[in-house]
Amino acid sequence: MRLTPDQDALIRDAASAAGQSLTEFVTTAAVTRAEDTLADRRVFRLDGAAWAEFNAILDRPAKRVPELARLLGEPAPWDK
């Protein structure tokens, strides 16, 4: 990875301030960014077991949540 001296110094300072090695800091930051980037994708790949579990969850009957029903029954703040 190529960095300017200023970028390198900034990242090293941040890693030190976080009490992490440079590798830990950069890896954590990259993984977090990757997860955020992929979180809103519409296509997810699941293995057979995960797919079966996902379908089982979707097939469960709906459950009424009284607190949620009460909240949704209240007028919106902008309608008051």
N, C-alpha and C. Protein backbone atom coordinates (compact mmCIF):
# COMPACT_ATOMS: atom_id res chain seq x y z
N MET A 1 0.86 -1.16 0.00
CA MET A 1 0.00 0.00 0.00
C MET A 1 0.91 1.23 0.00
N ARG A 2 0.60 2.15 -0.86
CA ARG A 2 1.39 3.38 -0.95
C ARG A 2 0.64 4.51 -0.25
N LEU A 3 1.37 5.20 0.62
CA LEU A 3 0.79 6.31 1.38
C LEU A 3 1.71 7.51 1.27
N THR A 4 1.11 8.68 1.39
CA THR A 4 1.94 9.88 1.52
C THR A 4 2.52 9.86 2.94
N PRO A 5 3.59 10.58 3.16
CA PRO A 5 4.13 10.65 4.52
C PRO A 5 3.11 11.14 5.54
N ASP A 6 2.27 12.09 5.15
CA ASP A 6 1.25 12.61 6.07
C ASP A 6 0.22 11.53 6.40
N GLN A 7 -0.21 10.76 5.39
CA GLN A 7 -1.17 9.68 5.63
C GLN A 7 -0.57 8.63 6.55
N ASP A 8 0.69 8.27 6.29
CA ASP A 8 1.37 7.27 7.10
C ASP A 8 1.46 7.73 8.56
N ALA A 9 1.85 8.96 8.77
CA ALA A 9 1.98 9.50 10.13
C ALA A 9 0.63 9.53 10.83
N LEU A 10 -0.40 9.94 10.12
CA LEU A 10 -1.74 10.01 10.70
C LEU A 10 -2.20 8.62 11.15
N ILE A 11 -2.04 7.64 10.28
CA ILE A 11 -2.50 6.28 10.61
C ILE A 11 -1.69 5.70 11.76
N ARG A 12 -0.38 5.91 11.75
CA ARG A 12 0.46 5.42 12.85
C ARG A 12 0.08 6.10 14.18
N ASP A 13 -0.18 7.39 14.14
CA ASP A 13 -0.58 8.10 15.36
C ASP A 13 -1.92 7.57 15.88
N ALA A 14 -2.86 7.33 14.97
CA ALA A 14 -4.16 6.82 15.38
C ALA A 14 -4.04 5.41 15.96
N ALA A 15 -3.23 4.58 15.36
CA ALA A 15 -3.03 3.22 15.88
C ALA A 15 -2.44 3.27 17.28
N SER A 16 -1.47 4.14 17.47
CA SER A 16 -0.85 4.31 18.78
C SER A 16 -1.86 4.81 19.81
N ALA A 17 -2.66 5.79 19.42
CA ALA A 17 -3.67 6.34 20.33
C ALA A 17 -4.71 5.29 20.70
N ALA A 18 -4.99 4.36 19.77
CA ALA A 18 -5.97 3.30 20.04
C ALA A 18 -5.34 2.13 20.79
N GLY A 19 -4.02 2.19 21.01
CA GLY A 19 -3.34 1.10 21.71
C GLY A 19 -3.27 -0.17 20.86
N GLN A 20 -3.19 0.00 19.55
CA GLN A 20 -3.15 -1.15 18.64
C GLN A 20 -1.88 -1.08 17.80
N SER A 21 -1.48 -2.25 17.32
CA SER A 21 -0.39 -2.26 16.36
C SER A 21 -0.91 -1.66 15.06
N LEU A 22 -0.01 -1.28 14.20
CA LEU A 22 -0.40 -0.73 12.91
C LEU A 22 -1.24 -1.75 12.14
N THR A 23 -0.81 -3.01 12.16
CA THR A 23 -1.55 -4.07 11.47
C THR A 23 -2.95 -4.23 12.02
N GLU A 24 -3.08 -4.28 13.34
CA GLU A 24 -4.41 -4.40 13.96
C GLU A 24 -5.31 -3.23 13.58
N PHE A 25 -4.76 -2.03 13.66
CA PHE A 25 -5.55 -0.83 13.37
C PHE A 25 -6.03 -0.81 11.93
N VAL A 26 -5.12 -1.04 11.00
CA VAL A 26 -5.47 -1.00 9.58
C VAL A 26 -6.43 -2.13 9.23
N THR A 27 -6.19 -3.33 9.76
CA THR A 27 -7.07 -4.46 9.47
C THR A 27 -8.48 -4.19 10.00
N THR A 28 -8.58 -3.73 11.23
CA THR A 28 -9.88 -3.43 11.82
C THR A 28 -10.62 -2.37 11.01
N ALA A 29 -9.91 -1.31 10.63
CA ALA A 29 -10.53 -0.24 9.85
C ALA A 29 -10.98 -0.76 8.48
N ALA A 30 -10.17 -1.58 7.85
CA ALA A 30 -10.52 -2.11 6.52
C ALA A 30 -11.70 -3.06 6.60
N VAL A 31 -11.73 -3.92 7.60
CA VAL A 31 -12.84 -4.86 7.76
C VAL A 31 -14.14 -4.12 8.05
N THR A 32 -14.08 -3.13 8.93
CA THR A 32 -15.27 -2.34 9.25
C THR A 32 -15.80 -1.64 8.01
N ARG A 33 -14.92 -1.05 7.24
CA ARG A 33 -15.33 -0.36 6.00
C ARG A 33 -15.91 -1.35 5.00
N ALA A 34 -15.31 -2.53 4.89
CA ALA A 34 -15.82 -3.55 3.97
C ALA A 34 -17.22 -4.01 4.39
N GLU A 35 -17.42 -4.23 5.68
CA GLU A 35 -18.74 -4.63 6.17
C GLU A 35 -19.77 -3.55 5.89
N ASP A 36 -19.43 -2.30 6.14
CA ASP A 36 -20.34 -1.19 5.87
C ASP A 36 -20.68 -1.09 4.39
N THR A 37 -19.68 -1.27 3.55
CA THR A 37 -19.88 -1.18 2.10
C THR A 37 -20.81 -2.29 1.61
N LEU A 38 -20.66 -3.48 2.15
CA LEU A 38 -21.44 -4.62 1.68
C LEU A 38 -22.78 -4.78 2.40
N ALA A 39 -23.01 -4.03 3.47
CA ALA A 39 -24.21 -4.22 4.29
C ALA A 39 -25.50 -3.96 3.54
N ASP A 40 -25.50 -3.05 2.59
CA ASP A 40 -26.75 -2.72 1.91
C ASP A 40 -26.90 -3.41 0.56
N ARG A 41 -26.07 -4.38 0.29
CA ARG A 41 -26.18 -5.11 -0.97
C ARG A 41 -27.44 -5.96 -0.96
N ARG A 42 -27.99 -6.18 -2.11
CA ARG A 42 -29.24 -6.92 -2.20
C ARG A 42 -29.03 -8.42 -2.40
N VAL A 43 -27.83 -8.83 -2.70
CA VAL A 43 -27.54 -10.24 -2.93
C VAL A 43 -26.63 -10.74 -1.81
N PHE A 44 -27.07 -11.77 -1.14
CA PHE A 44 -26.28 -12.38 -0.08
C PHE A 44 -26.08 -13.85 -0.43
N ARG A 45 -24.91 -14.33 -0.21
CA ARG A 45 -24.63 -15.73 -0.48
C ARG A 45 -24.61 -16.49 0.85
N LEU A 46 -25.39 -17.56 0.90
CA LEU A 46 -25.48 -18.37 2.11
C LEU A 46 -25.19 -19.81 1.76
N ASP A 47 -24.56 -20.51 2.70
CA ASP A 47 -24.38 -21.95 2.48
C ASP A 47 -25.70 -22.64 2.77
N GLY A 48 -25.77 -23.94 2.55
CA GLY A 48 -27.02 -24.67 2.71
C GLY A 48 -27.64 -24.55 4.09
N ALA A 49 -26.82 -24.65 5.12
CA ALA A 49 -27.34 -24.58 6.50
C ALA A 49 -27.88 -23.19 6.81
N ALA A 50 -27.14 -22.16 6.40
CA ALA A 50 -27.59 -20.79 6.65
C ALA A 50 -28.87 -20.49 5.87
N TRP A 51 -28.97 -21.01 4.64
CA TRP A 51 -30.17 -20.80 3.83
C TRP A 51 -31.38 -21.47 4.50
N ALA A 52 -31.20 -22.69 5.01
CA ALA A 52 -32.29 -23.40 5.68
C ALA A 52 -32.73 -22.63 6.93
N GLU A 53 -31.78 -22.12 7.70
CA GLU A 53 -32.11 -21.35 8.90
C GLU A 53 -32.84 -20.06 8.53
N PHE A 54 -32.38 -19.39 7.49
CA PHE A 54 -33.02 -18.15 7.02
C PHE A 54 -34.47 -18.42 6.62
N ASN A 55 -34.69 -19.49 5.87
CA ASN A 55 -36.05 -19.83 5.45
C ASN A 55 -36.93 -20.22 6.63
N ALA A 56 -36.37 -20.91 7.60
CA ALA A 56 -37.14 -21.27 8.79
C ALA A 56 -37.59 -20.02 9.54
N ILE A 57 -36.72 -19.04 9.62
CA ILE A 57 -37.08 -17.78 10.29
C ILE A 57 -38.19 -17.08 9.52
N LEU A 58 -38.07 -17.04 8.19
CA LEU A 58 -39.10 -16.39 7.39
C LEU A 58 -40.44 -17.10 7.47
N ASP A 59 -40.41 -18.40 7.67
CA ASP A 59 -41.64 -19.19 7.70
C ASP A 59 -42.35 -19.16 9.06
N ARG A 60 -41.71 -18.60 10.06
CA ARG A 60 -42.35 -18.52 11.37
C ARG A 60 -43.61 -17.66 11.28
N PRO A 61 -44.63 -18.01 12.06
CA PRO A 61 -45.82 -17.14 12.06
C PRO A 61 -45.48 -15.79 12.69
N ALA A 62 -46.19 -14.78 12.23
CA ALA A 62 -45.99 -13.44 12.78
C ALA A 62 -46.37 -13.42 14.26
N LYS A 63 -45.70 -12.61 15.02
CA LYS A 63 -45.97 -12.51 16.45
C LYS A 63 -46.32 -11.06 16.77
N ARG A 64 -47.41 -10.86 17.46
CA ARG A 64 -47.82 -9.51 17.84
C ARG A 64 -46.95 -9.03 18.99
N VAL A 65 -46.45 -7.82 18.86
CA VAL A 65 -45.64 -7.20 19.91
C VAL A 65 -46.46 -6.02 20.43
N PRO A 66 -47.07 -6.18 21.64
CA PRO A 66 -47.97 -5.14 22.14
C PRO A 66 -47.34 -3.75 22.20
N GLU A 67 -46.08 -3.69 22.63
CA GLU A 67 -45.41 -2.38 22.74
C GLU A 67 -45.30 -1.72 21.36
N LEU A 68 -44.98 -2.51 20.36
CA LEU A 68 -44.86 -1.96 19.02
C LEU A 68 -46.23 -1.54 18.48
N ALA A 69 -47.24 -2.34 18.73
CA ALA A 69 -48.59 -1.99 18.29
C ALA A 69 -49.04 -0.68 18.94
N ARG A 70 -48.74 -0.52 20.23
CA ARG A 70 -49.11 0.71 20.94
C ARG A 70 -48.36 1.91 20.34
N LEU A 71 -47.07 1.74 20.10
CA LEU A 71 -46.27 2.82 19.54
C LEU A 71 -46.79 3.22 18.16
N LEU A 72 -47.08 2.25 17.33
CA LEU A 72 -47.57 2.54 15.98
C LEU A 72 -48.99 3.11 15.99
N GLY A 73 -49.69 2.92 17.06
CA GLY A 73 -51.04 3.46 17.19
C GLY A 73 -51.08 4.91 17.63
N GLU A 74 -49.94 5.41 18.11
CA GLU A 74 -49.87 6.81 18.55
C GLU A 74 -49.70 7.74 17.35
N PRO A 75 -50.23 8.95 17.45
CA PRO A 75 -50.01 9.90 16.35
C PRO A 75 -48.54 10.28 16.27
N ALA A 76 -48.09 10.55 15.07
CA ALA A 76 -46.70 10.98 14.88
C ALA A 76 -46.51 12.35 15.53
N PRO A 77 -45.32 12.65 16.01
CA PRO A 77 -45.07 13.95 16.66
C PRO A 77 -45.46 15.14 15.77
N TRP A 78 -45.26 15.00 14.47
CA TRP A 78 -45.60 16.12 13.57
C TRP A 78 -47.09 16.23 13.30
N ASP A 79 -47.87 15.21 13.72
CA ASP A 79 -49.33 15.27 13.56
C ASP A 79 -50.03 15.81 14.80
N LYS A 80 -49.29 16.04 15.86
CA LYS A 80 -49.89 16.49 17.13
C LYS A 80 -50.17 17.97 17.09
